[in-house]
Amino acid sequence: GCNDIVLIDINPANATFGGIIGKPIGVG
């Protein structure tokens, strides 16, 4: 819907587990 890619932290050892990493990456 907004022509982006997002990175999600799925490392169970991290406090940021389940969160979006950084800003969305614009693509085509």
PDB file of all heavy atoms in Angstrom:
ATOM      1  N   GLY A   1       0.785  -1.221   0.000  1.00  0.00           N
ATOM      2  CA  GLY A   1       0.000   0.000   0.000  1.00  0.00           C
ATOM      3  C   GLY A   1       0.814   1.266   0.000  1.00  0.00           C
ATOM      4  O   GLY A   1       0.330   2.323  -0.425  1.00  0.00           O
ATOM      5  N   CYS A   2       2.061   1.209   0.481  1.00  0.00           N
ATOM      6  CA  CYS A   2       2.883   2.426   0.497  1.00  0.00           C
ATOM      7  C   CYS A   2       4.258   2.186  -0.114  1.00  0.00           C
ATOM      8  O   CYS A   2       5.195   2.965   0.127  1.00  0.00           O
ATOM      9  CB  CYS A   2       3.003   2.988   1.908  1.00  0.00           C
ATOM     10  SG  CYS A   2       3.439   1.790   3.170  1.00  0.00           S
ATOM     11  N   ASN A   3       4.392   1.095  -0.895  1.00  0.00           N
ATOM     12  CA  ASN A   3       5.613   0.849  -1.665  1.00  0.00           C
ATOM     13  C   ASN A   3       6.863   0.812  -0.791  1.00  0.00           C
ATOM     14  O   ASN A   3       7.896   1.417  -1.105  1.00  0.00           O
ATOM     15  CB  ASN A   3       5.778   1.913  -2.759  1.00  0.00           C
ATOM     16  CG  ASN A   3       4.565   2.009  -3.657  1.00  0.00           C
ATOM     17  OD1 ASN A   3       3.910   1.000  -3.922  1.00  0.00           O
ATOM     18  ND2 ASN A   3       4.252   3.206  -4.123  1.00  0.00           N
ATOM     19  N   ASP A   4       6.750   0.079   0.316  1.00  0.00           N
ATOM     20  CA  ASP A   4       7.845  -0.019   1.279  1.00  0.00           C
ATOM     21  C   ASP A   4       8.148  -1.463   1.632  1.00  0.00           C
ATOM     22  O   ASP A   4       7.313  -2.362   1.459  1.00  0.00           O
ATOM     23  CB  ASP A   4       7.497   0.714   2.581  1.00  0.00           C
ATOM     24  CG  ASP A   4       7.587   2.227   2.465  1.00  0.00           C
ATOM     25  OD1 ASP A   4       8.417   2.703   1.676  1.00  0.00           O
ATOM     26  OD2 ASP A   4       6.820   2.916   3.150  1.00  0.00           O
ATOM     27  N   ILE A   5       9.345  -1.653   2.177  1.00  0.00           N
ATOM     28  CA  ILE A   5       9.743  -2.894   2.827  1.00  0.00           C
ATOM     29  C   ILE A   5      10.055  -2.553   4.280  1.00  0.00           C
ATOM     30  O   ILE A   5      10.702  -1.545   4.562  1.00  0.00           O
ATOM     31  CB  ILE A   5      10.997  -3.499   2.160  1.00  0.00           C
ATOM     32  CG1 ILE A   5      10.714  -3.815   0.683  1.00  0.00           C
ATOM     33  CG2 ILE A   5      11.449  -4.769   2.888  1.00  0.00           C
ATOM     34  CD1 ILE A   5       9.626  -4.823   0.446  1.00  0.00           C
ATOM     35  N   VAL A   6       9.605  -3.392   5.206  1.00  0.00           N
ATOM     36  CA  VAL A   6       9.943  -3.177   6.606  1.00  0.00           C
ATOM     37  C   VAL A   6      10.687  -4.400   7.140  1.00  0.00           C
ATOM     38  O   VAL A   6      10.457  -5.532   6.699  1.00  0.00           O
ATOM     39  CB  VAL A   6       8.695  -2.902   7.480  1.00  0.00           C
ATOM     40  CG1 VAL A   6       8.059  -1.577   7.104  1.00  0.00           C
ATOM     41  CG2 VAL A   6       7.687  -4.033   7.376  1.00  0.00           C
ATOM     42  N   LEU A   7      11.605  -4.146   8.079  1.00  0.00           N
ATOM     43  CA  LEU A   7      12.361  -5.203   8.741  1.00  0.00           C
ATOM     44  C   LEU A   7      11.775  -5.405  10.131  1.00  0.00           C
ATOM     45  O   LEU A   7      11.556  -4.439  10.867  1.00  0.00           O
ATOM     46  CB  LEU A   7      13.837  -4.842   8.866  1.00  0.00           C
ATOM     47  CG  LEU A   7      14.744  -5.070   7.655  1.00  0.00           C
ATOM     48  CD1 LEU A   7      14.434  -4.049   6.567  1.00  0.00           C
ATOM     49  CD2 LEU A   7      16.208  -4.977   8.053  1.00  0.00           C
ATOM     50  N   ILE A   8      11.557  -6.661  10.490  1.00  0.00           N
ATOM     51  CA  ILE A   8      10.998  -7.007  11.797  1.00  0.00           C
ATOM     52  C   ILE A   8      12.025  -7.847  12.550  1.00  0.00           C
ATOM     53  O   ILE A   8      12.599  -8.801  11.999  1.00  0.00           O
ATOM     54  CB  ILE A   8       9.688  -7.811  11.658  1.00  0.00           C
ATOM     55  CG1 ILE A   8       8.714  -7.099  10.713  1.00  0.00           C
ATOM     56  CG2 ILE A   8       9.061  -8.048  13.029  1.00  0.00           C
ATOM     57  CD1 ILE A   8       8.238  -5.762  11.195  1.00  0.00           C
ATOM     58  N   ASP A   9      12.257  -7.508  13.808  1.00  0.00           N
ATOM     59  CA  ASP A   9      13.159  -8.288  14.657  1.00  0.00           C
ATOM     60  C   ASP A   9      12.415  -9.522  15.148  1.00  0.00           C
ATOM     61  O   ASP A   9      11.421  -9.424  15.854  1.00  0.00           O
ATOM     62  CB  ASP A   9      13.600  -7.429  15.847  1.00  0.00           C
ATOM     63  CG  ASP A   9      14.658  -8.126  16.715  1.00  0.00           C
ATOM     64  OD1 ASP A   9      14.878  -9.336  16.539  1.00  0.00           O
ATOM     65  OD2 ASP A   9      15.239  -7.445  17.571  1.00  0.00           O
ATOM     66  N   ILE A  10      12.883 -10.714  14.765  1.00  0.00           N
ATOM     67  CA  ILE A  10      12.264 -11.950  15.240  1.00  0.00           C
ATOM     68  C   ILE A  10      13.274 -12.808  16.010  1.00  0.00           C
ATOM     69  O   ILE A  10      13.148 -14.036  16.072  1.00  0.00           O
ATOM     70  CB  ILE A  10      11.612 -12.767  14.099  1.00  0.00           C
ATOM     71  CG1 ILE A  10      12.631 -13.102  13.002  1.00  0.00           C
ATOM     72  CG2 ILE A  10      10.425 -12.025  13.517  1.00  0.00           C
ATOM     73  CD1 ILE A  10      12.110 -14.122  11.996  1.00  0.00           C
ATOM     74  N   ASN A  11      14.255 -12.136  16.600  1.00  0.00           N
ATOM     75  CA  ASN A  11      15.222 -12.829  17.451  1.00  0.00           C
ATOM     76  C   ASN A  11      14.669 -12.868  18.874  1.00  0.00           C
ATOM     77  O   ASN A  11      14.582 -11.828  19.541  1.00  0.00           O
ATOM     78  CB  ASN A  11      16.560 -12.100  17.439  1.00  0.00           C
ATOM     79  CG  ASN A  11      17.642 -12.850  18.192  1.00  0.00           C
ATOM     80  OD1 ASN A  11      17.359 -13.825  18.905  1.00  0.00           O
ATOM     81  ND2 ASN A  11      18.881 -12.412  18.065  1.00  0.00           N
ATOM     82  N   PRO A  12      14.278 -14.053  19.383  1.00  0.00           N
ATOM     83  CA  PRO A  12      13.669 -14.122  20.718  1.00  0.00           C
ATOM     84  C   PRO A  12      14.572 -13.604  21.830  1.00  0.00           C
ATOM     85  O   PRO A  12      14.086 -13.255  22.903  1.00  0.00           O
ATOM     86  CB  PRO A  12      13.388 -15.623  20.899  1.00  0.00           C
ATOM     87  CG  PRO A  12      13.360 -16.188  19.526  1.00  0.00           C
ATOM     88  CD  PRO A  12      14.334 -15.372  18.731  1.00  0.00           C
ATOM     89  N   ALA A  13      15.882 -13.526  21.587  1.00  0.00           N
ATOM     90  CA  ALA A  13      16.812 -13.074  22.619  1.00  0.00           C
ATOM     91  C   ALA A  13      16.851 -11.555  22.745  1.00  0.00           C
ATOM     92  O   ALA A  13      17.429 -11.030  23.704  1.00  0.00           O
ATOM     93  CB  ALA A  13      18.216 -13.595  22.322  1.00  0.00           C
ATOM     94  N   ASN A  14      16.251 -10.838  21.798  1.00  0.00           N
ATOM     95  CA  ASN A  14      16.329  -9.379  21.795  1.00  0.00           C
ATOM     96  C   ASN A  14      15.139  -8.752  22.506  1.00  0.00           C
ATOM     97  O   ASN A  14      14.001  -9.238  22.395  1.00  0.00           O
ATOM     98  CB  ASN A  14      16.386  -8.842  20.363  1.00  0.00           C
ATOM     99  CG  ASN A  14      17.703  -9.157  19.684  1.00  0.00           C
ATOM    100  OD1 ASN A  14      18.685  -9.510  20.336  1.00  0.00           O
ATOM    101  ND2 ASN A  14      17.734  -9.046  18.363  1.00  0.00           N
ATOM    102  N   ALA A  15      15.396  -7.640  23.180  1.00  0.00           N
ATOM    103  CA  ALA A  15      14.313  -6.895  23.825  1.00  0.00           C
ATOM    104  C   ALA A  15      13.378  -6.285  22.795  1.00  0.00           C
ATOM    105  O   ALA A  15      12.220  -5.983  23.107  1.00  0.00           O
ATOM    106  CB  ALA A  15      14.898  -5.798  24.717  1.00  0.00           C
ATOM    107  N   THR A  16      13.856  -6.107  21.552  1.00  0.00           N
ATOM    108  CA  THR A  16      13.043  -5.515  20.488  1.00  0.00           C
ATOM    109  C   THR A  16      12.298  -6.566  19.666  1.00  0.00           C
ATOM    110  O   THR A  16      11.780  -6.263  18.585  1.00  0.00           O
ATOM    111  CB  THR A  16      13.934  -4.678  19.554  1.00  0.00           C
ATOM    112  OG1 THR A  16      15.028  -5.488  19.094  1.00  0.00           O
ATOM    113  CG2 THR A  16      14.478  -3.460  20.283  1.00  0.00           C
ATOM    114  N   PHE A  17      12.241  -7.793  20.176  1.00  0.00           N
ATOM    115  CA  PHE A  17      11.557  -8.883  19.466  1.00  0.00           C
ATOM    116  C   PHE A  17      10.135  -8.455  19.097  1.00  0.00           C
ATOM    117  O   PHE A  17       9.384  -7.941  19.924  1.00  0.00           O
ATOM    118  CB  PHE A  17      11.499 -10.126  20.352  1.00  0.00           C
ATOM    119  CG  PHE A  17      10.700 -11.254  19.777  1.00  0.00           C
ATOM    120  CD1 PHE A  17      11.224 -12.088  18.810  1.00  0.00           C
ATOM    121  CD2 PHE A  17       9.399 -11.490  20.204  1.00  0.00           C
ATOM    122  CE1 PHE A  17      10.496 -13.138  18.282  1.00  0.00           C
ATOM    123  CE2 PHE A  17       8.650 -12.536  19.689  1.00  0.00           C
ATOM    124  CZ  PHE A  17       9.203 -13.363  18.723  1.00  0.00           C
ATOM    125  N   GLY A  18       9.780  -8.679  17.818  1.00  0.00           N
ATOM    126  CA  GLY A  18       8.443  -8.335  17.351  1.00  0.00           C
ATOM    127  C   GLY A  18       8.278  -6.890  16.946  1.00  0.00           C
ATOM    128  O   GLY A  18       7.176  -6.475  16.561  1.00  0.00           O
ATOM    129  N   GLY A  19       9.362  -6.108  16.982  1.00  0.00           N
ATOM    130  CA  GLY A  19       9.286  -4.698  16.626  1.00  0.00           C
ATOM    131  C   GLY A  19       9.877  -4.421  15.258  1.00  0.00           C
ATOM    132  O   GLY A  19      10.654  -5.207  14.722  1.00  0.00           O
ATOM    133  N   ILE A  20       9.516  -3.275  14.683  1.00  0.00           N
ATOM    134  CA  ILE A  20      10.064  -2.840  13.398  1.00  0.00           C
ATOM    135  C   ILE A  20      11.456  -2.258  13.617  1.00  0.00           C
ATOM    136  O   ILE A  20      11.672  -1.452  14.524  1.00  0.00           O
ATOM    137  CB  ILE A  20       9.142  -1.804  12.734  1.00  0.00           C
ATOM    138  CG1 ILE A  20       7.782  -2.445  12.403  1.00  0.00           C
ATOM    139  CG2 ILE A  20       9.773  -1.236  11.477  1.00  0.00           C
ATOM    140  CD1 ILE A  20       6.768  -1.474  11.836  1.00  0.00           C
ATOM    141  N   ILE A  21      12.409  -2.680  12.783  1.00  0.00           N
ATOM    142  CA  ILE A  21      13.792  -2.195  12.875  1.00  0.00           C
ATOM    143  C   ILE A  21      13.977  -1.031  11.923  1.00  0.00           C
ATOM    144  O   ILE A  21      13.808  -1.179  10.704  1.00  0.00           O
ATOM    145  CB  ILE A  21      14.785  -3.323  12.524  1.00  0.00           C
ATOM    146  CG1 ILE A  21      14.575  -4.551  13.424  1.00  0.00           C
ATOM    147  CG2 ILE A  21      16.217  -2.829  12.636  1.00  0.00           C
ATOM    148  CD1 ILE A  21      15.382  -5.753  12.998  1.00  0.00           C
ATOM    149  N   GLY A  22      14.353   0.118  12.447  1.00  0.00           N
ATOM    150  CA  GLY A  22      14.634   1.271  11.601  1.00  0.00           C
ATOM    151  C   GLY A  22      13.408   1.780  10.871  1.00  0.00           C
ATOM    152  O   GLY A  22      12.265   1.519  11.242  1.00  0.00           O
ATOM    153  N   LYS A  23      13.662   2.529   9.781  1.00  0.00           N
ATOM    154  CA  LYS A  23      12.597   3.117   8.986  1.00  0.00           C
ATOM    155  C   LYS A  23      12.268   2.220   7.797  1.00  0.00           C
ATOM    156  O   LYS A  23      13.104   1.435   7.338  1.00  0.00           O
ATOM    157  CB  LYS A  23      13.012   4.507   8.492  1.00  0.00           C
ATOM    158  CG  LYS A  23      13.207   5.527   9.607  1.00  0.00           C
ATOM    159  CD  LYS A  23      13.580   6.884   9.027  1.00  0.00           C
ATOM    160  CE  LYS A  23      13.748   7.914  10.140  1.00  0.00           C
ATOM    161  NZ  LYS A  23      14.112   9.250   9.592  1.00  0.00           N
ATOM    162  N   PRO A  24      11.038   2.329   7.260  1.00  0.00           N
ATOM    163  CA  PRO A  24      10.702   1.574   6.051  1.00  0.00           C
ATOM    164  C   PRO A  24      11.650   1.908   4.902  1.00  0.00           C
ATOM    165  O   PRO A  24      12.161   3.034   4.806  1.00  0.00           O
ATOM    166  CB  PRO A  24       9.267   2.021   5.751  1.00  0.00           C
ATOM    167  CG  PRO A  24       8.720   2.486   7.063  1.00  0.00           C
ATOM    168  CD  PRO A  24       9.889   3.102   7.780  1.00  0.00           C
ATOM    169  N   ILE A  25      11.879   0.939   4.034  1.00  0.00           N
ATOM    170  CA  ILE A  25      12.764   1.100   2.875  1.00  0.00           C
ATOM    171  C   ILE A  25      11.888   1.287   1.640  1.00  0.00           C
ATOM    172  O   ILE A  25      11.107   0.399   1.287  1.00  0.00           O
ATOM    173  CB  ILE A  25      13.665  -0.129   2.699  1.00  0.00           C
ATOM    174  CG1 ILE A  25      14.467  -0.394   3.978  1.00  0.00           C
ATOM    175  CG2 ILE A  25      14.604   0.058   1.511  1.00  0.00           C
ATOM    176  CD1 ILE A  25      15.122  -1.760   4.004  1.00  0.00           C
ATOM    177  N   GLY A  26      12.019   2.417   0.978  1.00  0.00           N
ATOM    178  CA  GLY A  26      11.231   2.665  -0.223  1.00  0.00           C
ATOM    179  C   GLY A  26      11.716   1.831  -1.394  1.00  0.00           C
ATOM    180  O   GLY A  26      12.921   1.725  -1.645  1.00  0.00           O
ATOM    181  N   VAL A  27      10.762   1.220  -2.114  1.00  0.00           N
ATOM    182  CA  VAL A  27      11.097   0.399  -3.280  1.00  0.00           C
ATOM    183  C   VAL A  27      10.222   0.860  -4.452  1.00  0.00           C
ATOM    184  O   VAL A  27       9.823   2.017  -4.508  1.00  0.00           O
ATOM    185  CB  VAL A  27      10.924  -1.106  -2.977  1.00  0.00           C
ATOM    186  CG1 VAL A  27      11.990  -1.575  -2.001  1.00  0.00           C
ATOM    187  CG2 VAL A  27       9.541  -1.419  -2.427  1.00  0.00           C
ATOM    188  N   GLY A  28       9.915  -0.028  -5.385  1.00  0.00           N
ATOM    189  CA  GLY A  28       9.084   0.323  -6.535  1.00  0.00           C
ATOM    190  C   GLY A  28       7.606   0.284  -6.195  1.00  0.00           C
ATOM    191  O   GLY A  28       7.205   0.221  -5.030  1.00  0.00           O
TER     192      GLY A  28
END
